[in-house]
């Protein structure tokens, strides 16, 4: 099954993993709607095959309206990549309820809303792929980040449950679980870890590098290659999986 001409929607598609996946899909001929909250960032990367659209995944009405507009412009969405997320560690005793709710609103509620709205048009077709971008923190608890880990565990649970609901249909649901990826999020976390731990930025970066089993940061394109495989021929029987991309066994 070729993805050429198919409509894909990638949340958080202006930077990092989302942008790498969007570019990989566009290179195979898909028409890709990339969403995010910063129009300028989206427009700067919206080259051939990539179509910028601001959307706040935390806002139900905004998601409903924007996804419907994308469908009206480019047809049913057949590839949904729920990638938008925030990553920030905070110890339990320092965590407010607002911090918890804000992260869940983006990482979990946002994925739920995106998938729900995309499925409305996907149901009208005979083929579809839904990918969620979880994390190794969704497979095991990440020290110092209980809220982030809980949101990513929840994302895997959502993905697996939907895969059960749609068994026997032409739609598959899978989660990608990367380790530390060379993205702006890692750059921001380097400064945050250095500040909290009282160490220099290079030492903070090495803490993340060493957490990957092969002792290097993962390129966004490596995650994109896995996403492309899940959308390509021969992946029809891969469904309900949490695929680790972390340089070794977790």
Protein backbone atom coordinates (compact mmCIF):
# COMPACT_ATOMS: atom_id res chain seq x y z
CA UNK A 1 0.00 0.00 0.00
CA UNK A 2 1.61 3.24 -1.16
CA UNK A 3 1.15 6.35 0.97
CA UNK A 4 1.54 8.62 -2.05
CA UNK A 5 -1.34 11.08 -2.15
CA UNK A 6 -2.63 10.09 1.26
CA UNK A 7 -3.37 12.76 3.86
CA UNK A 8 -1.37 12.59 7.08
CA UNK A 9 -1.70 14.79 10.15
CA UNK A 10 1.24 15.20 12.54
CA UNK A 11 0.82 17.14 15.77
CA UNK A 12 3.90 18.93 17.06
CA UNK A 13 5.08 18.77 13.46
CA UNK A 14 7.17 21.92 13.42
CA UNK A 15 10.25 20.59 15.23
CA UNK A 16 12.05 17.47 16.39
CA UNK A 17 10.51 14.03 15.99
CA UNK A 18 7.27 15.38 14.55
CA UNK A 19 9.05 17.30 11.80
CA UNK A 20 11.26 14.32 10.95
CA UNK A 21 8.20 12.07 10.60
CA UNK A 22 6.33 14.68 8.55
CA UNK A 23 9.28 15.07 6.17
CA UNK A 24 9.65 11.30 5.79
CA UNK A 25 5.96 10.94 4.93
CA UNK A 26 6.07 13.85 2.49
CA UNK A 27 9.13 12.35 0.79
CA UNK A 28 6.99 9.29 0.03
CA UNK A 29 4.31 11.44 -1.57
CA UNK A 30 1.92 12.04 1.33
CA UNK A 31 0.24 15.39 1.85
CA UNK A 32 1.06 16.23 5.46
CA UNK A 33 -0.75 18.67 7.72
CA UNK A 34 1.68 19.73 10.44
CA UNK A 35 0.24 21.33 13.55
CA UNK A 36 1.58 23.27 16.49
CA UNK A 37 0.90 26.39 18.48
CA UNK A 38 3.50 28.62 16.79
CA UNK A 39 2.52 29.60 13.26
CA UNK A 40 5.90 31.09 12.42
CA UNK A 41 7.74 27.87 13.31
CA UNK A 42 5.35 25.84 11.16
CA UNK A 43 5.57 28.18 8.19
CA UNK A 44 9.38 28.12 8.28
CA UNK A 45 9.43 24.36 7.67
CA UNK A 46 6.34 24.04 5.46
CA UNK A 47 8.11 23.03 2.26
CA UNK A 48 6.63 20.85 -0.51
CA UNK A 49 4.06 18.43 0.87
CA UNK A 50 3.93 20.02 4.32
CA UNK A 51 0.95 22.24 5.17
CA UNK A 52 1.11 24.43 8.29
CA UNK A 53 -1.89 24.68 10.59
CA UNK A 54 -1.93 26.11 14.10
CA UNK A 55 -3.75 23.90 16.58
CA UNK A 56 -3.70 23.61 20.35
CA UNK A 57 -4.17 19.92 21.16
CA UNK A 58 -5.34 20.85 24.68
CA UNK A 59 -8.36 22.71 23.33
CA UNK A 60 -11.19 20.37 22.30
CA UNK A 61 -13.01 22.86 20.10
CA UNK A 62 -9.80 23.95 18.40
CA UNK A 63 -8.89 20.34 17.61
CA UNK A 64 -12.37 19.62 16.29
CA UNK A 65 -12.44 22.73 14.09
CA UNK A 66 -8.88 22.50 12.78
CA UNK A 67 -8.97 18.80 11.94
CA UNK A 68 -12.25 19.32 10.08
CA UNK A 69 -10.62 22.17 8.13
CA UNK A 70 -7.66 19.98 7.22
CA UNK A 71 -10.01 17.24 5.99
CA UNK A 72 -11.94 19.77 3.92
CA UNK A 73 -8.71 20.98 2.34
CA UNK A 74 -6.89 17.69 1.70
CA UNK A 75 -9.35 14.85 2.16
CA UNK A 76 -9.76 12.18 4.84
CA UNK A 77 -6.87 11.73 7.25
CA UNK A 78 -5.43 8.24 6.80
CA UNK A 79 -2.25 8.66 8.84
CA UNK A 80 -2.58 10.22 12.29
CA UNK A 81 0.60 10.86 14.24
CA UNK A 82 -0.14 12.04 17.79
CA UNK A 83 3.27 13.45 18.59
CA UNK A 84 2.67 16.74 20.43
CA UNK A 85 4.03 16.59 23.95
CA UNK A 86 5.97 18.29 26.70
CA UNK A 87 8.76 16.76 28.74
CA UNK A 88 9.75 18.11 32.13
CA UNK A 89 10.93 16.34 35.23
CA UNK A 90 9.81 17.35 38.69
CA UNK A 91 9.95 15.49 41.99
CA UNK A 92 6.67 14.47 43.60
CA UNK A 93 6.96 16.82 46.57
CA UNK A 94 7.63 19.76 44.25
CA UNK A 95 4.78 19.02 41.88
CA UNK A 96 1.58 21.06 41.96
CA UNK A 97 -1.76 19.77 40.74
CA UNK A 98 -1.64 22.41 38.01
CA UNK A 99 1.71 21.07 36.77
CA UNK A 100 0.20 17.57 36.65
CA UNK A 101 -2.91 18.71 34.80
CA UNK A 102 -1.00 20.82 32.29
CA UNK A 103 1.23 17.91 31.27
CA UNK A 104 -1.66 15.46 31.05
CA UNK A 105 -3.62 17.99 28.98
CA UNK A 106 -0.92 18.00 26.31
CA UNK A 107 0.57 14.51 26.43
CA UNK A 108 -2.56 12.44 27.01
CA UNK A 109 -5.70 14.52 26.49
CA UNK A 110 -4.16 16.01 23.35
CA UNK A 111 -3.48 12.60 21.85
CA UNK A 112 -7.00 11.41 22.68
CA UNK A 113 -8.62 14.45 21.06
CA UNK A 114 -6.39 14.26 17.98
CA UNK A 115 -7.05 10.56 17.40
CA UNK A 116 -10.78 10.88 18.02
CA UNK A 117 -11.18 13.67 15.49
CA UNK A 118 -8.91 12.07 12.88
CA UNK A 119 -10.79 8.78 13.11
CA UNK A 120 -14.00 10.51 12.02
CA UNK A 121 -12.67 10.84 8.48
CA UNK A 122 -10.44 7.75 8.58
CA UNK A 123 -13.61 5.67 9.07
CA UNK A 124 -14.67 6.76 5.59
CA UNK A 125 -11.64 5.04 4.03
CA UNK A 126 -10.37 1.49 3.65
CA UNK A 127 -6.92 1.99 5.19
CA UNK A 128 -5.43 3.92 8.10
CA UNK A 129 -2.52 4.16 10.50
CA UNK A 130 -2.48 5.76 13.95
CA UNK A 131 0.88 6.31 15.62
CA UNK A 132 1.42 7.72 19.09
CA UNK A 133 4.80 8.97 20.21
CA UNK A 134 5.35 7.68 23.72
CA UNK A 135 8.80 7.21 25.30
CA UNK A 136 10.93 4.74 27.18
CA UNK A 137 9.36 6.55 30.14
CA UNK A 138 6.12 4.91 29.02
CA UNK A 139 7.73 1.47 29.30
CA UNK A 140 9.49 1.98 32.61
CA UNK A 141 9.34 4.72 35.21
CA UNK A 142 11.76 7.57 34.65
CA UNK A 143 13.47 8.72 37.84
CA UNK A 144 12.56 12.29 38.74
CA UNK A 145 9.72 12.49 36.24
CA UNK A 146 6.64 10.72 37.65
CA UNK A 147 4.15 12.97 35.86
CA UNK A 148 5.82 12.62 32.47
CA UNK A 149 6.16 8.86 32.95
CA UNK A 150 2.50 8.52 33.90
CA UNK A 151 1.39 10.45 30.82
CA UNK A 152 3.50 8.29 28.52
CA UNK A 153 2.33 5.06 30.19
CA UNK A 154 -1.22 6.29 29.63
CA UNK A 155 -0.49 6.91 25.97
CA UNK A 156 0.59 3.30 25.51
CA UNK A 157 -2.55 2.14 27.29
CA UNK A 158 -4.71 4.25 25.00
CA UNK A 159 -2.93 2.88 21.93
CA UNK A 160 -3.24 -0.75 22.99
CA UNK A 161 -6.91 -0.38 23.90
CA UNK A 162 -7.75 1.20 20.55
CA UNK A 163 -5.90 -1.59 18.77
CA UNK A 164 -8.22 -4.07 20.48
CA UNK A 165 -11.29 -2.04 19.56
CA UNK A 166 -10.31 -2.04 15.88
CA UNK A 167 -9.09 -5.62 15.46
CA UNK A 168 -10.04 -7.00 12.05
CA UNK A 169 -10.33 -3.55 10.50
CA UNK A 170 -7.87 -1.96 8.05
CA UNK A 171 -6.67 0.43 10.77
CA UNK A 172 -3.66 -0.19 13.01
CA UNK A 173 -2.54 1.54 16.20
CA UNK A 174 1.04 1.51 17.49
CA UNK A 175 3.21 3.49 19.89
CA UNK A 176 6.83 4.47 19.30
CA UNK A 177 8.92 4.65 22.47
CA UNK A 178 12.21 6.44 21.86
CA UNK A 179 14.93 7.08 24.37
CA UNK A 180 16.68 10.46 24.45
CA UNK A 181 16.46 11.99 20.97
CA UNK A 182 18.58 14.85 19.65
CA UNK A 183 15.80 17.46 19.64
CA UNK A 184 15.17 20.92 21.14
CA UNK A 185 13.49 19.18 24.11
CA UNK A 186 16.79 17.56 25.04
CA UNK A 187 18.54 20.91 24.71
CA UNK A 188 16.03 22.49 27.10
CA UNK A 189 16.24 19.60 29.52
CA UNK A 190 20.02 19.85 29.55
CA UNK A 191 19.78 23.32 31.05
CA UNK A 192 17.02 22.26 33.47
CA UNK A 193 18.95 19.21 34.75
CA UNK A 194 22.13 21.23 35.12
CA UNK A 195 20.29 23.82 37.18
CA UNK A 196 18.49 21.31 39.41
CA UNK A 197 21.54 19.09 39.98
CA UNK A 198 24.08 21.90 40.27
CA UNK A 199 26.28 20.51 37.48
CA UNK A 200 27.59 21.93 34.23
CA UNK A 201 25.54 21.48 31.02
CA UNK A 202 27.98 19.00 29.46
CA UNK A 203 27.63 16.71 32.47
CA UNK A 204 23.85 17.05 32.32
CA UNK A 205 23.85 16.12 28.63
CA UNK A 206 26.01 13.08 29.32
CA UNK A 207 23.48 11.88 31.88
CA UNK A 208 20.90 11.65 29.10
CA UNK A 209 23.34 10.19 26.57
CA UNK A 210 24.32 7.42 29.00
CA UNK A 211 20.66 6.58 29.59
CA UNK A 212 20.48 5.33 25.99
CA UNK A 213 21.82 1.80 25.89
CA UNK A 214 24.15 2.50 22.95
CA UNK A 215 25.48 5.64 24.66
CA UNK A 216 24.50 8.24 22.08
CA UNK A 217 21.55 10.45 21.34
CA UNK A 218 19.05 9.07 18.84
CA UNK A 219 18.55 10.98 15.60
CA UNK A 220 14.96 12.10 14.91
CA UNK A 221 15.27 10.43 11.52
CA UNK A 222 15.66 7.05 13.24
CA UNK A 223 12.25 7.47 14.84
CA UNK A 224 10.85 8.68 11.52
CA UNK A 225 12.15 5.54 9.79
CA UNK A 226 10.19 3.38 12.25
CA UNK A 227 7.07 5.47 11.66
CA UNK A 228 7.47 5.12 7.90
CA UNK A 229 7.80 1.35 8.23
CA UNK A 230 4.55 1.17 10.22
CA UNK A 231 2.83 3.03 7.39
CA UNK A 232 4.36 0.90 4.66
CA UNK A 233 3.58 -2.45 3.06
CA UNK A 234 4.11 -5.53 5.20
CA UNK A 235 3.21 -3.81 8.49
CA UNK A 236 -0.45 -4.80 8.41
CA UNK A 237 -0.07 -7.33 11.24
CA UNK A 238 1.85 -4.98 13.52
CA UNK A 239 -0.81 -3.56 15.82
CA UNK A 240 -1.05 -2.65 19.50
CA UNK A 241 2.72 -2.58 19.92
CA UNK A 242 4.99 -0.32 21.97
CA UNK A 243 8.15 -0.27 19.88
CA UNK A 244 11.28 0.74 21.78
CA UNK A 245 13.88 2.83 19.95
CA UNK A 246 16.53 3.17 22.61
CA UNK A 247 19.73 1.49 21.46
CA UNK A 248 19.13 -1.77 23.32
CA UNK A 249 16.83 -3.58 25.70
CA UNK A 250 15.12 -1.49 28.32
